Amino acid sequence: MRIFNLILILILSYSSIYSREKVTQDFVVSEVTRIYDGDTITVNLDCNEILFCKNISVRVYGIDTPEMHGGSNTHKEKYLAKLARQMTINFVRKSEKIYLDDCFRGKYFRIVCKVRNDKGRYLEDLLLNSTLAVPYYGGKKTKNWGN
């Protein structure tokens, strides 16, 4: 029993150390296939593995925008969500190339990345500066878009 407890402690210690470590990676996007809302896009990566490189949902790091869909959305929130989505669409359309910087697995096992264009501009900065996004790094969301 003591050996079992020791092994369990070692496993838990290792997993807690490992889970605090944020390993990041950068990617080149070959195509943006869908823009769900201001802070969520779907992309194909510039690689050949269909299973790992196609239709990847990406959450934009460091921001939260109003949601396009949701039962509690007010008319104002839906309007702001459409503006944020359109700003993201324009950002992608006006860019020759999109890059995903500092990517990691986030909440709900989603890929979370900084989204940069070929001009060196970041989507999250554009949305924050336009007041269509608020800073968000996980945890409880406190923004009430409807007011």
N, C-alpha and C. Protein backbone atom coordinates (compact mmCIF):
# COMPACT_ATOMS: atom_id res chain seq x y z
N MET A 1 0.81 -1.19 0.00
CA MET A 1 0.00 0.00 0.00
C MET A 1 0.86 1.26 0.00
N ARG A 2 1.99 1.21 0.73
CA ARG A 2 2.88 2.38 0.78
C ARG A 2 3.47 2.65 -0.60
N ILE A 3 3.80 1.61 -1.34
CA ILE A 3 4.36 1.79 -2.69
C ILE A 3 3.30 2.41 -3.60
N PHE A 4 2.08 1.93 -3.50
CA PHE A 4 0.99 2.50 -4.30
C PHE A 4 0.83 3.99 -4.00
N ASN A 5 0.81 4.36 -2.72
CA ASN A 5 0.67 5.76 -2.34
C ASN A 5 1.84 6.60 -2.86
N LEU A 6 3.04 6.07 -2.79
CA LEU A 6 4.22 6.77 -3.28
C LEU A 6 4.14 6.99 -4.79
N ILE A 7 3.73 5.97 -5.52
CA ILE A 7 3.58 6.10 -6.97
C ILE A 7 2.50 7.11 -7.30
N LEU A 8 1.40 7.08 -6.58
CA LEU A 8 0.32 8.03 -6.80
C LEU A 8 0.79 9.46 -6.55
N ILE A 9 1.54 9.69 -5.49
CA ILE A 9 2.08 11.02 -5.19
C ILE A 9 3.02 11.47 -6.28
N LEU A 10 3.87 10.59 -6.77
CA LEU A 10 4.79 10.95 -7.85
C LEU A 10 4.04 11.31 -9.12
N ILE A 11 3.03 10.55 -9.46
CA ILE A 11 2.23 10.83 -10.66
C ILE A 11 1.52 12.17 -10.54
N LEU A 12 0.90 12.41 -9.40
CA LEU A 12 0.19 13.68 -9.19
C LEU A 12 1.15 14.86 -9.20
N SER A 13 2.33 14.69 -8.61
CA SER A 13 3.33 15.77 -8.61
C SER A 13 3.78 16.07 -10.02
N TYR A 14 4.07 15.03 -10.78
CA TYR A 14 4.51 15.22 -12.16
C TYR A 14 3.42 15.89 -12.99
N SER A 15 2.17 15.44 -12.85
CA SER A 15 1.10 16.01 -13.66
C SER A 15 0.81 17.46 -13.28
N SER A 16 0.95 17.82 -12.01
CA SER A 16 0.71 19.21 -11.63
C SER A 16 1.82 20.11 -12.12
N ILE A 17 3.06 19.63 -12.12
CA ILE A 17 4.17 20.40 -12.67
C ILE A 17 3.97 20.55 -14.17
N TYR A 18 3.63 19.46 -14.84
CA TYR A 18 3.46 19.49 -16.29
C TYR A 18 2.31 20.39 -16.71
N SER A 19 1.20 20.38 -15.97
CA SER A 19 0.03 21.16 -16.37
C SER A 19 0.28 22.66 -16.24
N ARG A 20 1.22 23.09 -15.40
CA ARG A 20 1.52 24.51 -15.27
C ARG A 20 2.40 25.01 -16.40
N GLU A 21 3.05 24.10 -17.07
CA GLU A 21 3.95 24.47 -18.16
C GLU A 21 3.13 24.70 -19.42
N LYS A 22 3.24 25.89 -20.00
CA LYS A 22 2.50 26.19 -21.23
C LYS A 22 3.47 26.10 -22.40
N VAL A 23 3.34 25.05 -23.18
CA VAL A 23 4.16 24.87 -24.36
C VAL A 23 3.46 25.53 -25.53
N THR A 24 4.16 26.42 -26.23
CA THR A 24 3.54 27.13 -27.34
C THR A 24 4.19 26.75 -28.66
N GLN A 25 3.44 26.99 -29.74
CA GLN A 25 3.92 26.69 -31.08
C GLN A 25 3.31 27.70 -32.04
N ASP A 26 4.01 27.98 -33.13
CA ASP A 26 3.53 28.89 -34.16
C ASP A 26 3.16 28.11 -35.41
N PHE A 27 2.18 28.64 -36.18
CA PHE A 27 1.72 27.99 -37.40
C PHE A 27 1.48 29.02 -38.48
N VAL A 28 1.55 28.56 -39.73
CA VAL A 28 1.17 29.37 -40.88
C VAL A 28 -0.17 28.83 -41.37
N VAL A 29 -1.10 29.74 -41.61
CA VAL A 29 -2.43 29.37 -42.07
C VAL A 29 -2.46 29.36 -43.58
N SER A 30 -2.95 28.29 -44.18
CA SER A 30 -3.08 28.25 -45.64
C SER A 30 -4.43 28.80 -46.07
N GLU A 31 -5.44 28.67 -45.18
CA GLU A 31 -6.78 29.15 -45.53
C GLU A 31 -7.61 29.33 -44.26
N VAL A 32 -8.34 30.43 -44.19
CA VAL A 32 -9.34 30.60 -43.14
C VAL A 32 -10.64 30.11 -43.75
N THR A 33 -11.21 29.06 -43.17
CA THR A 33 -12.39 28.44 -43.77
C THR A 33 -13.69 28.93 -43.18
N ARG A 34 -13.64 29.47 -41.96
CA ARG A 34 -14.87 29.93 -41.32
C ARG A 34 -14.53 30.95 -40.24
N ILE A 35 -15.37 31.94 -40.11
CA ILE A 35 -15.25 32.91 -39.02
C ILE A 35 -16.56 32.84 -38.25
N TYR A 36 -16.49 32.21 -37.11
CA TYR A 36 -17.70 31.97 -36.32
C TYR A 36 -18.17 33.25 -35.66
N ASP A 37 -17.27 33.90 -34.95
CA ASP A 37 -17.55 35.20 -34.37
C ASP A 37 -16.23 35.96 -34.27
N GLY A 38 -16.20 37.04 -33.52
CA GLY A 38 -15.00 37.86 -33.49
C GLY A 38 -13.77 37.18 -32.94
N ASP A 39 -13.96 36.20 -32.05
CA ASP A 39 -12.81 35.58 -31.40
C ASP A 39 -12.65 34.09 -31.67
N THR A 40 -13.36 33.56 -32.67
CA THR A 40 -13.23 32.14 -33.02
C THR A 40 -13.24 31.98 -34.54
N ILE A 41 -12.16 31.38 -35.05
CA ILE A 41 -12.05 31.13 -36.49
C ILE A 41 -11.70 29.66 -36.72
N THR A 42 -11.97 29.18 -37.92
CA THR A 42 -11.58 27.84 -38.32
C THR A 42 -10.60 27.97 -39.48
N VAL A 43 -9.50 27.23 -39.41
CA VAL A 43 -8.44 27.38 -40.40
C VAL A 43 -7.94 26.03 -40.90
N ASN A 44 -7.30 26.07 -42.05
CA ASN A 44 -6.46 24.98 -42.54
C ASN A 44 -5.04 25.46 -42.37
N LEU A 45 -4.21 24.61 -41.80
CA LEU A 45 -2.81 24.97 -41.59
C LEU A 45 -1.99 24.59 -42.81
N ASP A 46 -0.85 25.22 -42.94
CA ASP A 46 0.05 24.97 -44.05
C ASP A 46 0.87 23.72 -43.77
N CYS A 47 0.20 22.56 -43.82
CA CYS A 47 0.86 21.27 -43.65
C CYS A 47 0.02 20.21 -44.34
N ASN A 48 0.52 19.00 -44.44
CA ASN A 48 -0.12 17.98 -45.26
C ASN A 48 -0.96 16.95 -44.51
N GLU A 49 -0.91 16.94 -43.21
CA GLU A 49 -1.64 15.94 -42.44
C GLU A 49 -3.10 16.37 -42.28
N ILE A 50 -4.00 15.75 -43.00
CA ILE A 50 -5.41 16.13 -42.99
C ILE A 50 -5.99 16.08 -41.58
N LEU A 51 -5.67 15.05 -40.84
CA LEU A 51 -6.21 14.87 -39.50
C LEU A 51 -5.81 16.01 -38.56
N PHE A 52 -4.60 16.53 -38.71
CA PHE A 52 -4.07 17.53 -37.79
C PHE A 52 -4.02 18.94 -38.35
N CYS A 53 -4.25 19.12 -39.64
CA CYS A 53 -4.02 20.42 -40.26
C CYS A 53 -5.25 21.04 -40.90
N LYS A 54 -6.34 20.33 -40.97
CA LYS A 54 -7.53 20.82 -41.66
C LYS A 54 -8.68 21.06 -40.68
N ASN A 55 -9.42 22.14 -40.92
CA ASN A 55 -10.60 22.49 -40.11
C ASN A 55 -10.28 22.57 -38.62
N ILE A 56 -9.27 23.36 -38.29
CA ILE A 56 -8.85 23.55 -36.91
C ILE A 56 -9.55 24.77 -36.34
N SER A 57 -10.29 24.59 -35.27
CA SER A 57 -10.95 25.71 -34.61
C SER A 57 -9.95 26.41 -33.70
N VAL A 58 -9.85 27.73 -33.84
CA VAL A 58 -8.88 28.52 -33.10
C VAL A 58 -9.60 29.61 -32.32
N ARG A 59 -9.32 29.69 -31.04
CA ARG A 59 -9.83 30.76 -30.18
C ARG A 59 -8.73 31.82 -30.10
N VAL A 60 -9.10 33.08 -30.36
CA VAL A 60 -8.12 34.18 -30.34
C VAL A 60 -7.71 34.44 -28.89
N TYR A 61 -6.40 34.46 -28.65
CA TYR A 61 -5.86 34.61 -27.30
C TYR A 61 -6.09 36.02 -26.74
N GLY A 62 -6.45 36.07 -25.48
CA GLY A 62 -6.45 37.32 -24.73
C GLY A 62 -7.67 38.20 -24.87
N ILE A 63 -8.70 37.74 -25.58
CA ILE A 63 -9.89 38.58 -25.76
C ILE A 63 -11.17 37.77 -25.66
N ASP A 64 -12.24 38.51 -25.44
CA ASP A 64 -13.59 37.94 -25.52
C ASP A 64 -14.42 38.94 -26.29
N THR A 65 -15.15 38.46 -27.29
CA THR A 65 -16.07 39.31 -28.05
C THR A 65 -17.49 38.83 -27.79
N PRO A 66 -18.47 39.66 -28.08
CA PRO A 66 -19.87 39.23 -27.91
C PRO A 66 -20.14 37.98 -28.77
N GLU A 67 -21.02 37.14 -28.27
CA GLU A 67 -21.34 35.89 -28.95
C GLU A 67 -22.40 36.11 -30.03
N MET A 68 -22.24 35.42 -31.15
CA MET A 68 -23.21 35.51 -32.24
C MET A 68 -24.52 34.82 -31.86
N HIS A 69 -24.41 33.72 -31.13
CA HIS A 69 -25.59 32.94 -30.78
C HIS A 69 -25.61 32.73 -29.27
N GLY A 70 -26.78 32.68 -28.74
CA GLY A 70 -26.94 32.43 -27.31
C GLY A 70 -28.31 32.87 -26.86
N GLY A 71 -28.87 32.13 -25.96
CA GLY A 71 -30.22 32.41 -25.50
C GLY A 71 -30.38 33.73 -24.77
N SER A 72 -29.32 34.20 -24.12
CA SER A 72 -29.44 35.42 -23.32
C SER A 72 -28.95 36.67 -24.06
N ASN A 73 -28.64 36.56 -25.34
CA ASN A 73 -28.14 37.71 -26.09
C ASN A 73 -29.22 38.78 -26.24
N THR A 74 -28.85 40.01 -25.97
CA THR A 74 -29.75 41.13 -26.22
C THR A 74 -29.55 41.59 -27.66
N HIS A 75 -30.42 42.49 -28.11
CA HIS A 75 -30.27 43.03 -29.47
C HIS A 75 -28.93 43.76 -29.61
N LYS A 76 -28.55 44.49 -28.57
CA LYS A 76 -27.27 45.22 -28.61
C LYS A 76 -26.09 44.24 -28.70
N GLU A 77 -26.15 43.16 -27.92
CA GLU A 77 -25.07 42.18 -27.95
C GLU A 77 -24.96 41.52 -29.32
N LYS A 78 -26.08 41.19 -29.92
CA LYS A 78 -26.06 40.59 -31.26
C LYS A 78 -25.49 41.57 -32.29
N TYR A 79 -25.85 42.83 -32.16
CA TYR A 79 -25.33 43.86 -33.06
C TYR A 79 -23.81 43.99 -32.90
N LEU A 80 -23.33 44.03 -31.66
CA LEU A 80 -21.89 44.13 -31.40
C LEU A 80 -21.17 42.87 -31.88
N ALA A 81 -21.81 41.71 -31.73
CA ALA A 81 -21.22 40.46 -32.20
C ALA A 81 -21.05 40.48 -33.72
N LYS A 82 -22.03 41.02 -34.42
CA LYS A 82 -21.93 41.12 -35.89
C LYS A 82 -20.82 42.08 -36.29
N LEU A 83 -20.66 43.18 -35.56
CA LEU A 83 -19.57 44.12 -35.85
C LEU A 83 -18.20 43.47 -35.62
N ALA A 84 -18.07 42.75 -34.52
CA ALA A 84 -16.80 42.08 -34.21
C ALA A 84 -16.49 41.01 -35.26
N ARG A 85 -17.49 40.26 -35.65
CA ARG A 85 -17.30 39.24 -36.69
C ARG A 85 -16.89 39.89 -38.01
N GLN A 86 -17.55 40.99 -38.38
CA GLN A 86 -17.20 41.67 -39.63
C GLN A 86 -15.78 42.23 -39.58
N MET A 87 -15.36 42.71 -38.41
CA MET A 87 -13.99 43.21 -38.28
C MET A 87 -12.99 42.08 -38.47
N THR A 88 -13.32 40.90 -37.95
CA THR A 88 -12.45 39.74 -38.14
C THR A 88 -12.42 39.31 -39.60
N ILE A 89 -13.56 39.33 -40.26
CA ILE A 89 -13.63 39.01 -41.69
C ILE A 89 -12.75 39.98 -42.49
N ASN A 90 -12.87 41.27 -42.20
CA ASN A 90 -12.08 42.28 -42.91
C ASN A 90 -10.59 42.10 -42.66
N PHE A 91 -10.23 41.77 -41.44
CA PHE A 91 -8.82 41.53 -41.08
C PHE A 91 -8.25 40.40 -41.94
N VAL A 92 -9.02 39.33 -42.08
CA VAL A 92 -8.57 38.18 -42.87
C VAL A 92 -8.51 38.52 -44.36
N ARG A 93 -9.56 39.16 -44.86
CA ARG A 93 -9.62 39.50 -46.30
C ARG A 93 -8.50 40.44 -46.75
N LYS A 94 -8.13 41.37 -45.88
CA LYS A 94 -7.11 42.36 -46.24
C LYS A 94 -5.70 41.85 -46.02
N SER A 95 -5.57 40.62 -45.58
CA SER A 95 -4.26 40.03 -45.30
C SER A 95 -3.89 39.01 -46.37
N GLU A 96 -2.65 39.08 -46.80
CA GLU A 96 -2.19 38.07 -47.75
C GLU A 96 -1.89 36.76 -47.04
N LYS A 97 -1.46 36.84 -45.80
CA LYS A 97 -1.11 35.64 -45.04
C LYS A 97 -1.53 35.84 -43.59
N ILE A 98 -1.98 34.77 -42.95
CA ILE A 98 -2.35 34.78 -41.54
C ILE A 98 -1.43 33.81 -40.81
N TYR A 99 -0.97 34.23 -39.63
CA TYR A 99 -0.09 33.42 -38.81
C TYR A 99 -0.72 33.22 -37.43
N LEU A 100 -0.49 32.07 -36.86
CA LEU A 100 -0.94 31.77 -35.50
C LEU A 100 0.30 31.70 -34.63
N ASP A 101 0.40 32.63 -33.70
CA ASP A 101 1.58 32.72 -32.83
C ASP A 101 1.26 32.26 -31.42
N ASP A 102 2.25 31.67 -30.77
CA ASP A 102 2.16 31.28 -29.35
C ASP A 102 0.92 30.42 -29.06
N CYS A 103 0.67 29.43 -29.88
CA CYS A 103 -0.51 28.58 -29.73
C CYS A 103 -0.32 27.57 -28.60
N PHE A 104 -1.42 27.30 -27.92
CA PHE A 104 -1.42 26.28 -26.88
C PHE A 104 -2.84 25.74 -26.73
N ARG A 105 -2.97 24.63 -26.02
CA ARG A 105 -4.28 24.06 -25.74
C ARG A 105 -4.86 24.79 -24.55
N GLY A 106 -6.08 25.27 -24.71
CA GLY A 106 -6.73 26.01 -23.65
C GLY A 106 -7.88 25.25 -23.05
N LYS A 107 -8.75 26.01 -22.43
CA LYS A 107 -9.96 25.49 -21.84
C LYS A 107 -10.76 24.73 -22.90
N TYR A 108 -11.36 23.64 -22.53
CA TYR A 108 -12.14 22.78 -23.43
C TYR A 108 -11.27 22.16 -24.52
N PHE A 109 -9.96 22.10 -24.30
CA PHE A 109 -8.99 21.48 -25.21
C PHE A 109 -8.92 22.18 -26.56
N ARG A 110 -9.36 23.45 -26.60
CA ARG A 110 -9.30 24.22 -27.85
C ARG A 110 -7.89 24.76 -28.05
N ILE A 111 -7.59 25.06 -29.31
CA ILE A 111 -6.33 25.71 -29.62
C ILE A 111 -6.55 27.21 -29.45
N VAL A 112 -5.66 27.84 -28.69
CA VAL A 112 -5.73 29.27 -28.41
C VAL A 112 -4.45 29.90 -28.96
N CYS A 113 -4.61 30.96 -29.78
CA CYS A 113 -3.44 31.56 -30.44
C CYS A 113 -3.60 33.07 -30.57
N LYS A 114 -2.47 33.74 -30.69
CA LYS A 114 -2.46 35.12 -31.15
C LYS A 114 -2.56 35.05 -32.67
N VAL A 115 -3.42 35.87 -33.27
CA VAL A 115 -3.65 35.82 -34.72
C VAL A 115 -3.02 37.07 -35.33
N ARG A 116 -2.03 36.85 -36.21
CA ARG A 116 -1.25 37.94 -36.80
C ARG A 116 -1.36 37.91 -38.31
N ASN A 117 -1.35 39.09 -38.93
CA ASN A 117 -1.35 39.13 -40.39
C ASN A 117 0.05 39.40 -40.93
N ASP A 118 0.17 39.43 -42.24
CA ASP A 118 1.47 39.62 -42.89
C ASP A 118 2.05 41.01 -42.66
N LYS A 119 1.25 41.95 -42.16
CA LYS A 119 1.73 43.30 -41.86
C LYS A 119 2.19 43.43 -40.41
N GLY A 120 2.14 42.32 -39.67
CA GLY A 120 2.59 42.32 -38.29
C GLY A 120 1.54 42.80 -37.29
N ARG A 121 0.31 42.94 -37.72
CA ARG A 121 -0.77 43.39 -36.83
C ARG A 121 -1.48 42.19 -36.24
N TYR A 122 -1.94 42.36 -35.01
CA TYR A 122 -2.64 41.28 -34.31
C TYR A 122 -4.14 41.57 -34.25
N LEU A 123 -4.93 40.54 -34.55
CA LEU A 123 -6.38 40.65 -34.54
C LEU A 123 -6.89 41.07 -33.16
N GLU A 124 -6.32 40.51 -32.11
CA GLU A 124 -6.79 40.84 -30.77
C GLU A 124 -6.60 42.32 -30.44
N ASP A 125 -5.50 42.91 -30.90
CA ASP A 125 -5.28 44.35 -30.68
C ASP A 125 -6.31 45.19 -31.42
N LEU A 126 -6.60 44.81 -32.65
CA LEU A 126 -7.60 45.53 -33.45
C LEU A 126 -8.97 45.51 -32.77
N LEU A 127 -9.39 44.33 -32.30
CA LEU A 127 -10.69 44.21 -31.65
C LEU A 127 -10.73 44.94 -30.30
N LEU A 128 -9.65 44.86 -29.54
CA LEU A 128 -9.59 45.58 -28.26
C LEU A 128 -9.64 47.09 -28.47
N ASN A 129 -8.86 47.58 -29.43
CA ASN A 129 -8.81 49.03 -29.69
C ASN A 129 -10.12 49.57 -30.22
N SER A 130 -10.90 48.73 -30.85
CA SER A 130 -12.20 49.16 -31.38
C SER A 130 -13.31 49.02 -30.33
N THR A 131 -12.98 48.55 -29.16
CA THR A 131 -13.90 48.28 -28.05
C THR A 131 -14.94 47.20 -28.39
N LEU A 132 -14.63 46.34 -29.35
CA LEU A 132 -15.49 45.21 -29.68
C LEU A 132 -15.04 43.94 -28.97
N ALA A 133 -14.04 44.08 -28.12
CA ALA A 133 -13.54 42.96 -27.33
C ALA A 133 -13.08 43.49 -25.98
N VAL A 134 -13.07 42.60 -25.02
CA VAL A 134 -12.51 42.91 -23.70
C VAL A 134 -11.40 41.90 -23.43
N PRO A 135 -10.43 42.27 -22.61
CA PRO A 135 -9.38 41.31 -22.25
C PRO A 135 -9.99 40.09 -21.55
N TYR A 136 -9.50 38.92 -21.92
CA TYR A 136 -9.99 37.69 -21.30
C TYR A 136 -8.89 36.64 -21.33
N TYR A 137 -8.57 36.09 -20.16
CA TYR A 137 -7.51 35.09 -20.06
C TYR A 137 -7.99 33.83 -19.34
N GLY A 138 -9.26 33.54 -19.44
CA GLY A 138 -9.83 32.38 -18.78
C GLY A 138 -10.59 32.81 -17.54
N GLY A 139 -11.22 31.86 -16.93
CA GLY A 139 -11.99 32.18 -15.74
C GLY A 139 -13.39 32.65 -16.07
N LYS A 140 -14.01 33.30 -15.10
CA LYS A 140 -15.38 33.75 -15.25
C LYS A 140 -15.44 35.01 -16.09
N LYS A 141 -16.38 35.04 -17.03
CA LYS A 141 -16.58 36.22 -17.86
C LYS A 141 -17.49 37.19 -17.11
N THR A 142 -17.10 38.46 -17.10
CA THR A 142 -17.87 39.43 -16.35
C THR A 142 -18.50 40.50 -17.24
N LYS A 143 -18.16 40.55 -18.49
CA LYS A 143 -18.67 41.59 -19.38
C LYS A 143 -20.13 41.34 -19.70
N ASN A 144 -20.94 42.37 -19.54
CA ASN A 144 -22.35 42.31 -19.93
C ASN A 144 -22.50 43.16 -21.17
N TRP A 145 -22.50 42.54 -22.33
CA TRP A 145 -22.53 43.26 -23.60
C TRP A 145 -23.87 43.94 -23.85
N GLY A 146 -24.91 43.49 -23.20
CA GLY A 146 -26.24 44.02 -23.46
C GLY A 146 -26.52 45.38 -22.85
N ASN A 147 -25.65 45.85 -21.97
CA ASN A 147 -25.89 47.15 -21.30
C ASN A 147 -25.09 48.26 -21.94
